[in-house]
């Protein structure tokens, strides 16, 4: 996907160059060092709910989770494209996301 549909990624208003973001992102990763999905070293602050240009949601630490780059760029992106909110399975072996096909009634 190109940045033409994601204005928060380009120009002077690029959220990812924002000083507050850079500072709080670094602090978050210093405290949250482990990828939530695989247990490797976290290098990416992932937005649990995609912010889609909403700055308040973008900067809200309650909407962040630590991921490694591989999980962020693969498992998380795949889940978002499928419309899933949560990744993983419960103790019963079924997907924990209520939107997963297996959990539809």
N, C-alpha and C. Protein backbone atom coordinates (compact mmCIF):
# COMPACT_ATOMS: atom_id res chain seq x y z
N UNK A 1 0.85 -1.17 0.00
CA UNK A 1 0.00 0.00 0.00
C UNK A 1 0.89 1.23 0.00
N UNK A 2 0.63 2.15 -0.90
CA UNK A 2 1.40 3.38 -0.97
C UNK A 2 0.93 4.38 0.07
N UNK A 3 1.75 5.37 0.32
CA UNK A 3 1.42 6.36 1.33
C UNK A 3 0.42 7.40 0.86
N UNK A 4 0.03 7.37 -0.42
CA UNK A 4 -0.93 8.36 -0.91
C UNK A 4 -2.27 8.24 -0.19
N UNK A 5 -2.61 7.07 0.32
CA UNK A 5 -3.85 6.88 1.07
C UNK A 5 -3.62 6.95 2.58
N UNK A 6 -2.40 7.27 2.98
CA UNK A 6 -2.05 7.35 4.40
C UNK A 6 -1.30 8.65 4.66
N UNK A 7 -2.01 9.79 4.68
CA UNK A 7 -1.33 11.08 4.84
C UNK A 7 -0.57 11.21 6.14
N UNK A 8 -0.90 10.42 7.16
CA UNK A 8 -0.17 10.47 8.43
C UNK A 8 1.24 9.91 8.31
N UNK A 9 1.60 9.36 7.13
CA UNK A 9 2.93 8.79 6.91
C UNK A 9 3.84 9.69 6.08
N UNK A 10 3.34 10.83 5.59
CA UNK A 10 4.14 11.66 4.68
C UNK A 10 4.18 13.12 5.13
N UNK A 11 5.18 13.81 4.65
CA UNK A 11 5.26 15.26 4.82
C UNK A 11 5.52 15.71 6.24
N UNK A 12 5.28 16.99 6.46
CA UNK A 12 5.57 17.59 7.76
C UNK A 12 4.65 17.08 8.86
N UNK A 13 3.51 16.50 8.50
CA UNK A 13 2.57 16.00 9.48
C UNK A 13 2.72 14.50 9.74
N UNK A 14 3.83 13.92 9.33
CA UNK A 14 4.09 12.49 9.52
C UNK A 14 4.08 12.16 11.01
N UNK A 15 3.08 11.36 11.44
CA UNK A 15 2.96 10.99 12.85
C UNK A 15 4.23 10.30 13.35
N UNK A 16 4.87 9.52 12.50
CA UNK A 16 6.00 8.71 12.92
C UNK A 16 7.29 9.52 13.12
N UNK A 17 7.26 10.81 12.77
CA UNK A 17 8.39 11.71 13.04
C UNK A 17 8.09 12.66 14.20
N UNK A 18 6.91 12.53 14.78
CA UNK A 18 6.47 13.38 15.88
C UNK A 18 7.37 13.15 17.10
N UNK A 19 7.84 14.23 17.72
CA UNK A 19 8.77 14.12 18.85
C UNK A 19 8.15 13.37 20.03
N UNK A 20 6.87 13.63 20.31
CA UNK A 20 6.21 12.93 21.41
C UNK A 20 6.15 11.43 21.12
N UNK A 21 5.81 11.07 19.88
CA UNK A 21 5.78 9.65 19.49
C UNK A 21 7.15 9.00 19.67
N UNK A 22 8.18 9.63 19.15
CA UNK A 22 9.53 9.05 19.22
C UNK A 22 9.97 8.84 20.66
N UNK A 23 9.67 9.81 21.52
CA UNK A 23 10.06 9.72 22.92
C UNK A 23 9.27 8.62 23.65
N UNK A 24 7.96 8.63 23.51
CA UNK A 24 7.14 7.65 24.23
C UNK A 24 7.31 6.25 23.65
N UNK A 25 7.56 6.14 22.36
CA UNK A 25 7.82 4.85 21.72
C UNK A 25 9.07 4.22 22.32
N UNK A 26 10.14 5.01 22.45
CA UNK A 26 11.39 4.51 23.01
C UNK A 26 11.20 4.05 24.46
N UNK A 27 10.47 4.83 25.26
CA UNK A 27 10.19 4.44 26.64
C UNK A 27 9.37 3.15 26.70
N UNK A 28 8.39 3.04 25.82
CA UNK A 28 7.52 1.86 25.79
C UNK A 28 8.33 0.61 25.48
N UNK A 29 9.19 0.68 24.48
CA UNK A 29 10.00 -0.48 24.11
C UNK A 29 11.05 -0.80 25.17
N UNK A 30 11.50 0.21 25.92
CA UNK A 30 12.45 -0.05 27.00
C UNK A 30 11.78 -0.84 28.13
N UNK A 31 10.49 -0.59 28.34
CA UNK A 31 9.74 -1.29 29.38
C UNK A 31 9.14 -2.60 28.89
N UNK A 32 8.82 -2.68 27.61
CA UNK A 32 8.13 -3.84 27.03
C UNK A 32 9.04 -4.45 25.97
N UNK A 33 9.94 -5.30 26.41
CA UNK A 33 11.03 -5.78 25.56
C UNK A 33 10.72 -7.05 24.78
N UNK A 34 9.58 -7.68 25.07
CA UNK A 34 9.28 -8.99 24.50
C UNK A 34 8.08 -8.90 23.56
N UNK A 35 8.21 -9.50 22.38
CA UNK A 35 7.12 -9.55 21.41
C UNK A 35 5.94 -10.31 22.00
N UNK A 36 4.78 -9.69 21.96
CA UNK A 36 3.57 -10.30 22.52
C UNK A 36 3.19 -11.60 21.80
N UNK A 37 3.56 -11.72 20.54
CA UNK A 37 3.15 -12.90 19.77
C UNK A 37 4.12 -14.07 19.90
N UNK A 38 5.42 -13.80 19.80
CA UNK A 38 6.38 -14.92 19.70
C UNK A 38 7.41 -15.00 20.82
N UNK A 39 7.56 -13.94 21.60
CA UNK A 39 8.52 -13.96 22.70
C UNK A 39 9.91 -13.49 22.34
N UNK A 40 10.15 -13.15 21.07
CA UNK A 40 11.45 -12.59 20.68
C UNK A 40 11.54 -11.13 21.16
N UNK A 41 12.67 -10.50 20.87
CA UNK A 41 12.86 -9.10 21.24
C UNK A 41 11.90 -8.21 20.46
N UNK A 42 11.17 -7.36 21.17
CA UNK A 42 10.25 -6.41 20.53
C UNK A 42 11.02 -5.24 19.97
N UNK A 43 10.72 -4.87 18.73
CA UNK A 43 11.36 -3.73 18.08
C UNK A 43 10.34 -2.76 17.48
N UNK A 44 9.06 -3.14 17.54
CA UNK A 44 8.00 -2.34 16.92
C UNK A 44 6.91 -2.08 17.95
N UNK A 45 6.43 -0.85 18.01
CA UNK A 45 5.24 -0.54 18.79
C UNK A 45 4.07 -0.65 17.82
N UNK A 46 3.26 -1.66 18.05
CA UNK A 46 2.11 -1.93 17.18
C UNK A 46 0.87 -1.26 17.76
N UNK A 47 0.04 -0.72 16.89
CA UNK A 47 -1.25 -0.17 17.29
C UNK A 47 -2.26 -1.31 17.23
N UNK A 48 -2.77 -1.71 18.38
CA UNK A 48 -3.69 -2.85 18.46
C UNK A 48 -4.89 -2.60 17.55
N UNK A 49 -5.53 -1.46 17.74
CA UNK A 49 -6.60 -1.04 16.84
C UNK A 49 -5.98 -0.06 15.86
N UNK A 50 -6.05 -0.33 14.57
CA UNK A 50 -5.44 0.58 13.59
C UNK A 50 -5.96 2.01 13.77
N UNK A 51 -5.04 2.97 13.81
CA UNK A 51 -5.44 4.35 14.08
C UNK A 51 -6.00 5.06 12.85
N UNK A 52 -5.64 4.64 11.66
CA UNK A 52 -6.15 5.20 10.40
C UNK A 52 -6.15 6.73 10.37
N UNK A 53 -5.09 7.31 10.95
CA UNK A 53 -4.95 8.76 10.91
C UNK A 53 -5.52 9.48 12.12
N UNK A 54 -6.08 8.77 13.07
CA UNK A 54 -6.61 9.37 14.29
C UNK A 54 -5.44 9.55 15.26
N UNK A 55 -4.99 10.79 15.44
CA UNK A 55 -3.80 11.04 16.25
C UNK A 55 -4.00 10.63 17.70
N UNK A 56 -5.17 10.87 18.26
CA UNK A 56 -5.42 10.50 19.66
C UNK A 56 -5.26 8.99 19.84
N UNK A 57 -5.75 8.20 18.90
CA UNK A 57 -5.61 6.75 18.97
C UNK A 57 -4.16 6.35 18.70
N UNK A 58 -3.51 7.06 17.80
CA UNK A 58 -2.10 6.80 17.47
C UNK A 58 -1.20 6.93 18.69
N UNK A 59 -1.40 7.96 19.50
CA UNK A 59 -0.51 8.26 20.61
C UNK A 59 -0.97 7.61 21.92
N UNK A 60 -2.11 6.95 21.93
CA UNK A 60 -2.67 6.32 23.14
C UNK A 60 -1.93 5.03 23.47
N UNK A 61 -1.17 5.04 24.56
CA UNK A 61 -0.37 3.86 24.93
C UNK A 61 -1.23 2.64 25.27
N UNK A 62 -2.49 2.84 25.61
CA UNK A 62 -3.37 1.70 25.86
C UNK A 62 -3.70 0.95 24.58
N UNK A 63 -3.37 1.55 23.45
CA UNK A 63 -3.61 0.93 22.15
C UNK A 63 -2.31 0.37 21.56
N UNK A 64 -1.29 0.23 22.36
CA UNK A 64 0.01 -0.25 21.88
C UNK A 64 0.30 -1.64 22.41
N UNK A 65 1.05 -2.39 21.62
CA UNK A 65 1.60 -3.67 22.07
C UNK A 65 2.97 -3.84 21.45
N UNK A 66 3.88 -4.49 22.19
CA UNK A 66 5.23 -4.70 21.66
C UNK A 66 5.26 -5.92 20.74
N UNK A 67 5.82 -5.75 19.56
CA UNK A 67 5.97 -6.85 18.61
C UNK A 67 7.37 -6.82 18.02
N UNK A 68 7.84 -7.97 17.56
CA UNK A 68 9.06 -7.98 16.75
C UNK A 68 8.64 -7.60 15.33
N UNK A 69 9.59 -7.21 14.51
CA UNK A 69 9.26 -6.76 13.15
C UNK A 69 8.62 -7.88 12.33
N UNK A 70 9.10 -9.10 12.49
CA UNK A 70 8.55 -10.22 11.73
C UNK A 70 7.06 -10.43 12.04
N UNK A 71 6.71 -10.46 13.32
CA UNK A 71 5.30 -10.64 13.69
C UNK A 71 4.45 -9.46 13.24
N UNK A 72 4.98 -8.25 13.39
CA UNK A 72 4.23 -7.06 12.96
C UNK A 72 3.96 -7.09 11.47
N UNK A 73 4.98 -7.45 10.70
CA UNK A 73 4.85 -7.39 9.24
C UNK A 73 4.19 -8.63 8.64
N UNK A 74 3.99 -9.67 9.43
CA UNK A 74 3.37 -10.87 8.87
C UNK A 74 2.07 -11.20 9.59
N UNK A 75 2.14 -11.79 10.76
CA UNK A 75 0.94 -12.26 11.46
C UNK A 75 -0.05 -11.13 11.73
N UNK A 76 0.43 -10.00 12.22
CA UNK A 76 -0.47 -8.89 12.56
C UNK A 76 -1.12 -8.32 11.31
N UNK A 77 -0.35 -8.12 10.25
CA UNK A 77 -0.90 -7.57 9.01
C UNK A 77 -1.93 -8.52 8.40
N UNK A 78 -1.63 -9.80 8.44
CA UNK A 78 -2.55 -10.80 7.89
C UNK A 78 -3.87 -10.79 8.67
N UNK A 79 -3.78 -10.70 9.99
CA UNK A 79 -4.98 -10.66 10.82
C UNK A 79 -5.81 -9.42 10.53
N UNK A 80 -5.16 -8.27 10.37
CA UNK A 80 -5.89 -7.03 10.07
C UNK A 80 -6.60 -7.13 8.73
N UNK A 81 -5.93 -7.71 7.73
CA UNK A 81 -6.57 -7.85 6.41
C UNK A 81 -7.79 -8.77 6.49
N UNK A 82 -7.76 -9.72 7.41
CA UNK A 82 -8.89 -10.65 7.58
C UNK A 82 -9.95 -10.10 8.51
N UNK A 83 -9.71 -8.95 9.11
CA UNK A 83 -10.68 -8.34 10.01
C UNK A 83 -10.67 -8.92 11.41
N UNK A 84 -9.57 -9.57 11.80
CA UNK A 84 -9.47 -10.15 13.13
C UNK A 84 -8.87 -9.14 14.10
N UNK A 85 -9.37 -9.11 15.32
CA UNK A 85 -8.87 -8.19 16.33
C UNK A 85 -7.82 -8.82 17.22
N UNK A 86 -7.89 -10.13 17.40
CA UNK A 86 -6.99 -10.82 18.32
C UNK A 86 -6.38 -12.02 17.62
N UNK A 87 -5.15 -12.32 17.97
CA UNK A 87 -4.46 -13.46 17.38
C UNK A 87 -4.16 -14.46 18.49
N UNK A 88 -4.41 -15.71 18.22
CA UNK A 88 -4.09 -16.74 19.19
C UNK A 88 -5.26 -17.68 19.41
N UNK A 89 -5.01 -18.68 20.23
CA UNK A 89 -6.05 -19.66 20.57
C UNK A 89 -6.17 -19.76 22.08
N UNK A 90 -7.36 -20.14 22.52
CA UNK A 90 -7.60 -20.34 23.94
C UNK A 90 -7.16 -21.73 24.37
N UNK A 91 -7.38 -22.04 25.64
CA UNK A 91 -7.02 -23.35 26.16
C UNK A 91 -7.80 -24.47 25.48
N UNK A 92 -8.97 -24.13 24.92
CA UNK A 92 -9.78 -25.13 24.22
C UNK A 92 -9.29 -25.38 22.80
N UNK A 93 -8.29 -24.60 22.35
CA UNK A 93 -7.75 -24.79 21.01
C UNK A 93 -8.46 -23.99 19.94
N UNK A 94 -9.49 -23.24 20.30
CA UNK A 94 -10.22 -22.43 19.33
C UNK A 94 -9.70 -21.00 19.34
N UNK A 95 -9.81 -20.30 18.20
CA UNK A 95 -9.34 -18.91 18.11
C UNK A 95 -10.02 -18.04 19.16
N UNK A 96 -9.25 -17.13 19.77
CA UNK A 96 -9.80 -16.26 20.81
C UNK A 96 -10.55 -15.05 20.23
N UNK A 97 -10.33 -14.76 18.98
CA UNK A 97 -11.01 -13.61 18.38
C UNK A 97 -12.47 -13.94 18.09
N UNK A 98 -13.40 -13.16 18.65
CA UNK A 98 -14.81 -13.45 18.41
C UNK A 98 -15.21 -13.28 16.94
N UNK A 99 -14.41 -12.54 16.17
CA UNK A 99 -14.72 -12.35 14.75
C UNK A 99 -14.19 -13.47 13.86
N UNK A 100 -13.44 -14.40 14.43
CA UNK A 100 -12.90 -15.49 13.63
C UNK A 100 -14.04 -16.35 13.10
N UNK A 101 -13.88 -16.85 11.91
CA UNK A 101 -14.90 -17.67 11.24
C UNK A 101 -15.38 -18.82 12.13
N UNK A 102 -14.48 -19.44 12.86
CA UNK A 102 -14.86 -20.58 13.70
C UNK A 102 -15.74 -20.17 14.87
N UNK A 103 -15.73 -18.90 15.23
CA UNK A 103 -16.55 -18.43 16.35
C UNK A 103 -17.86 -17.79 15.92
N UNK A 104 -18.15 -17.83 14.63
CA UNK A 104 -19.41 -17.28 14.12
C UNK A 104 -20.53 -18.29 14.32
N UNK A 105 -21.69 -17.82 14.71
CA UNK A 105 -22.83 -18.73 14.94
C UNK A 105 -23.82 -18.62 13.83
